[in-house]
Amino acid sequence: MKRISLLIIGFLAIVITTLQAQVDFGVRFGVSYSALTQRIDEGYVSGGKAGFSIAGLADIPIYKGLSFRPEVAYLHQGGNYYSQPVLSEMAAYNKYKYYSIQIPLDLAYTFNVSDIRLSVYAGPALDFSLFGKMKTRDNDIESNIQFGAEKEKNLRTFDLGVKVGLAVEYSKFFFSIDAICGTLDRRPVKRDGESKLLQNNITFSLGYFFRKD
């Protein structure tokens, strides 16, 4: 039993050492265009704003060019949308800006073109909203967003997005373009005539990988 335990410990030590030797870490800073999207009169309407994100990420090899690329990002996002249907129109135009922690869990495929690494990746993105401000066009007075409160003009705390992206890396520096489409309704209260409210983002980033090679 003691010998088996020592073998298991030794095997785990080898696996951990191998993973540590293979995992590459990176950082990135991005500017984004984020929008709250809803459906009005058989069409989709988006109201957007500029934002940013700062992230740390890892690239964990799985097999050949395939890798697991998780990320933890702090981002500023938001957008604008209409609410409170009155007859055939919407009575309120709401503006939002808020901060979130986002955790994308991507699978990436990387291939080389001369000295350039090209990566395409996709996966789910968990989004946890922290704090922010909102105001309506009528009174133009800012108030705090109470995330998770079952009241109008607030937003739900959690969102689940679908992320796709492309990265071009040269000499450990990279440029990436990411798109995240929210899948969950951000409205805590929905009146008759109001559609789902979805958070969508497009981000352009510059970053650096601390690669060992």
Protein backbone atom coordinates (compact mmCIF):
# COMPACT_ATOMS: atom_id res chain seq x y z
CA MET A 1 0.00 0.00 0.00
CA LYS A 2 2.83 2.36 0.87
CA ARG A 3 4.53 1.62 -2.46
CA ILE A 4 1.29 2.28 -4.37
CA SER A 5 0.81 5.56 -2.50
CA LEU A 6 4.34 6.64 -3.38
CA LEU A 7 3.75 5.74 -7.03
CA ILE A 8 0.52 7.77 -7.10
CA ILE A 9 2.22 10.76 -5.46
CA GLY A 10 5.11 10.48 -7.91
CA PHE A 11 2.73 10.29 -10.89
CA LEU A 12 0.78 13.34 -9.70
CA ALA A 13 4.02 15.25 -9.20
CA ILE A 14 5.06 14.44 -12.79
CA VAL A 15 1.66 15.50 -14.16
CA ILE A 16 1.69 18.77 -12.21
CA THR A 17 5.26 19.52 -13.27
CA THR A 18 4.39 18.77 -16.91
CA LEU A 19 1.32 21.01 -16.82
CA GLN A 20 3.29 23.82 -15.22
CA ALA A 21 5.92 23.47 -17.92
CA GLN A 22 3.34 23.60 -20.72
CA VAL A 23 0.85 26.22 -19.55
CA ASP A 24 1.39 29.69 -21.01
CA PHE A 25 -0.07 32.73 -19.30
CA GLY A 26 -0.96 36.06 -20.84
CA VAL A 27 -2.55 39.46 -20.31
CA ARG A 28 -4.58 41.69 -22.58
CA PHE A 29 -6.26 45.09 -22.68
CA GLY A 30 -9.19 45.74 -24.99
CA VAL A 31 -11.63 48.41 -26.13
CA SER A 32 -15.15 47.30 -26.87
CA TYR A 33 -18.52 48.20 -28.26
CA SER A 34 -21.27 46.77 -26.08
CA ALA A 35 -24.99 46.86 -26.79
CA LEU A 36 -28.27 45.89 -25.16
CA THR A 37 -30.41 44.31 -27.87
CA GLN A 38 -34.19 43.84 -27.95
CA ARG A 39 -36.86 43.02 -30.52
CA ILE A 40 -39.30 45.77 -31.48
CA ASP A 41 -41.86 45.62 -34.32
CA GLU A 42 -40.47 42.45 -35.90
CA GLY A 43 -36.92 43.87 -35.92
CA TYR A 44 -33.94 43.94 -33.58
CA VAL A 45 -32.91 47.26 -32.03
CA SER A 46 -29.53 47.78 -30.34
CA GLY A 47 -28.33 50.71 -28.28
CA GLY A 48 -24.60 50.66 -27.65
CA LYS A 49 -21.73 52.35 -25.85
CA ALA A 50 -17.94 52.18 -25.76
CA GLY A 51 -16.25 50.19 -23.02
CA PHE A 52 -13.08 48.33 -22.11
CA SER A 53 -11.79 45.10 -20.59
CA ILE A 54 -8.62 43.99 -18.78
CA ALA A 55 -7.93 40.27 -18.57
CA GLY A 56 -5.52 37.55 -17.58
CA LEU A 57 -5.61 34.29 -19.51
CA ALA A 58 -3.95 30.90 -19.82
CA ASP A 59 -3.30 28.61 -22.76
CA ILE A 60 -3.31 24.93 -21.73
CA PRO A 61 -2.36 22.41 -24.46
CA ILE A 62 -4.69 19.46 -24.98
CA TYR A 63 -3.64 17.78 -28.22
CA LYS A 64 -1.48 19.13 -31.04
CA GLY A 65 -2.94 22.55 -31.95
CA LEU A 66 -5.96 22.23 -29.64
CA SER A 67 -5.85 23.97 -26.26
CA PHE A 68 -8.07 25.11 -23.39
CA ARG A 69 -7.95 28.90 -23.02
CA PRO A 70 -9.72 30.17 -19.87
CA GLU A 71 -9.76 33.86 -19.02
CA VAL A 72 -10.74 36.16 -16.15
CA ALA A 73 -11.69 39.67 -17.27
CA TYR A 74 -12.82 42.87 -15.61
CA LEU A 75 -14.96 44.84 -18.05
CA HIS A 76 -17.00 47.98 -18.50
CA GLN A 77 -20.11 47.38 -20.59
CA GLY A 78 -23.74 48.42 -21.01
CA GLY A 79 -26.00 49.93 -23.64
CA ASN A 80 -29.41 51.51 -24.19
CA TYR A 81 -32.90 50.08 -24.57
CA TYR A 82 -36.60 50.98 -24.65
CA SER A 83 -39.14 49.92 -22.02
CA GLN A 84 -42.70 50.57 -20.78
CA PRO A 85 -44.91 49.97 -23.84
CA VAL A 86 -47.63 52.59 -24.36
CA LEU A 87 -50.01 51.70 -27.18
CA SER A 88 -47.66 50.98 -30.11
CA GLU A 89 -44.63 52.84 -28.72
CA MET A 90 -42.12 52.59 -25.89
CA ALA A 91 -42.30 55.36 -23.30
CA ALA A 92 -38.83 55.16 -21.71
CA TYR A 93 -35.34 55.14 -23.19
CA ASN A 94 -32.87 53.77 -20.65
CA LYS A 95 -29.07 54.14 -20.64
CA TYR A 96 -26.82 51.71 -18.75
CA LYS A 97 -23.12 51.46 -17.92
CA TYR A 98 -21.80 48.89 -15.50
CA TYR A 99 -18.85 46.72 -14.49
CA SER A 100 -18.64 42.93 -14.49
CA ILE A 101 -16.33 39.99 -13.93
CA GLN A 102 -16.40 37.74 -16.97
CA ILE A 103 -14.98 34.20 -17.23
CA PRO A 104 -14.78 32.83 -20.79
CA LEU A 105 -13.93 29.11 -21.08
CA ASP A 106 -12.71 28.70 -24.65
CA LEU A 107 -11.39 25.88 -26.76
CA ALA A 108 -8.75 27.22 -29.15
CA TYR A 109 -7.15 25.80 -32.26
CA THR A 110 -3.78 27.32 -33.18
CA PHE A 111 -1.72 26.87 -36.34
CA ASN A 112 1.45 28.53 -37.61
CA VAL A 113 1.88 30.59 -40.77
CA SER A 114 5.60 31.32 -40.96
CA ASP A 115 6.42 33.23 -37.73
CA ILE A 116 2.77 34.04 -37.00
CA ARG A 117 0.42 32.01 -34.80
CA LEU A 118 -3.25 32.14 -35.77
CA SER A 119 -5.86 31.03 -33.24
CA VAL A 120 -9.59 30.56 -33.58
CA TYR A 121 -11.55 29.88 -30.42
CA ALA A 122 -15.05 29.56 -29.03
CA GLY A 123 -16.81 28.68 -25.80
CA PRO A 124 -19.19 29.79 -23.05
CA ALA A 125 -18.62 33.01 -21.10
CA LEU A 126 -19.88 33.45 -17.54
CA ASP A 127 -20.72 37.05 -16.63
CA PHE A 128 -21.23 38.33 -13.07
CA SER A 129 -22.36 41.97 -12.86
CA LEU A 130 -20.97 44.02 -9.96
CA PHE A 131 -22.11 47.66 -9.95
CA GLY A 132 -23.10 50.45 -12.30
CA LYS A 133 -25.34 53.40 -13.14
CA MET A 134 -28.46 53.95 -15.23
CA LYS A 135 -30.64 56.87 -16.28
CA THR A 136 -33.65 57.53 -18.49
CA ARG A 137 -33.79 60.09 -21.28
CA ASP A 138 -36.78 61.86 -19.66
CA ASN A 139 -35.22 62.92 -16.35
CA ASP A 140 -31.49 62.37 -17.12
CA ILE A 141 -30.84 61.58 -13.44
CA GLU A 142 -28.38 58.77 -12.72
CA SER A 143 -29.18 56.09 -10.17
CA ASN A 144 -27.46 52.90 -9.03
CA ILE A 145 -28.35 49.63 -10.71
CA GLN A 146 -29.59 47.15 -8.12
CA PHE A 147 -28.46 43.91 -9.72
CA GLY A 148 -30.74 41.00 -8.93
CA ALA A 149 -33.56 43.18 -7.53
CA GLU A 150 -36.95 42.22 -8.95
CA LYS A 151 -37.75 45.80 -9.90
CA GLU A 152 -38.07 47.59 -13.21
CA LYS A 153 -35.03 49.38 -14.65
CA ASN A 154 -32.61 47.06 -12.86
CA LEU A 155 -30.74 44.16 -14.45
CA ARG A 156 -30.20 40.53 -13.57
CA THR A 157 -26.84 39.71 -11.99
CA PHE A 158 -25.80 36.72 -14.10
CA ASP A 159 -25.49 36.23 -17.84
CA LEU A 160 -24.30 33.30 -19.95
CA GLY A 161 -22.71 34.29 -23.23
CA VAL A 162 -21.42 32.46 -26.29
CA LYS A 163 -17.98 33.66 -27.35
CA VAL A 164 -16.14 33.35 -30.67
CA GLY A 165 -12.80 34.94 -31.48
CA LEU A 166 -9.71 35.21 -33.62
CA ALA A 167 -6.16 36.00 -32.46
CA VAL A 168 -3.00 36.79 -34.41
CA GLU A 169 0.24 36.36 -32.43
CA TYR A 170 3.74 37.47 -33.41
CA SER A 171 6.78 37.39 -31.12
CA LYS A 172 4.52 36.71 -28.08
CA PHE A 173 2.41 39.84 -28.72
CA PHE A 174 -1.10 39.29 -30.05
CA PHE A 175 -4.10 41.12 -31.45
CA SER A 176 -7.54 39.60 -30.97
CA ILE A 177 -11.14 40.20 -31.97
CA ASP A 178 -13.84 38.68 -29.75
CA ALA A 179 -17.63 38.64 -30.02
CA ILE A 180 -19.83 37.60 -27.09
CA CYS A 181 -23.59 37.16 -27.50
CA GLY A 182 -25.64 36.94 -24.32
CA THR A 183 -28.25 34.20 -24.10
CA LEU A 184 -30.17 35.17 -20.94
CA ASP A 185 -32.79 37.91 -20.53
CA ARG A 186 -31.28 40.75 -18.47
CA ARG A 187 -34.70 42.21 -17.56
CA PRO A 188 -35.77 41.36 -14.00
CA VAL A 189 -39.35 42.43 -14.81
CA LYS A 190 -40.95 42.19 -18.26
CA ARG A 191 -44.25 43.81 -19.24
CA ASP A 192 -46.56 42.60 -21.99
CA GLY A 193 -45.11 43.69 -25.32
CA GLU A 194 -41.49 43.72 -24.12
CA SER A 195 -39.02 41.24 -25.59
CA LYS A 196 -35.91 39.69 -24.09
CA LEU A 197 -33.04 42.08 -23.41
CA LEU A 198 -29.66 40.62 -24.39
CA GLN A 199 -26.15 41.93 -23.71
CA ASN A 200 -23.75 41.66 -26.67
CA ASN A 201 -20.11 42.79 -26.93
CA ILE A 202 -17.39 43.11 -29.58
CA THR A 203 -13.85 43.64 -28.23
CA PHE A 204 -10.56 44.53 -29.92
CA SER A 205 -7.55 43.68 -27.76
CA LEU A 206 -3.77 43.89 -27.63
CA GLY A 207 -2.00 41.37 -25.40
CA TYR A 208 1.14 39.48 -24.53
CA PHE A 209 1.83 35.80 -23.80
CA PHE A 210 4.58 34.89 -21.35
CA ARG A 211 5.56 31.92 -23.48
CA LYS A 212 8.61 29.84 -22.63
CA ASP A 213 9.53 29.08 -26.26
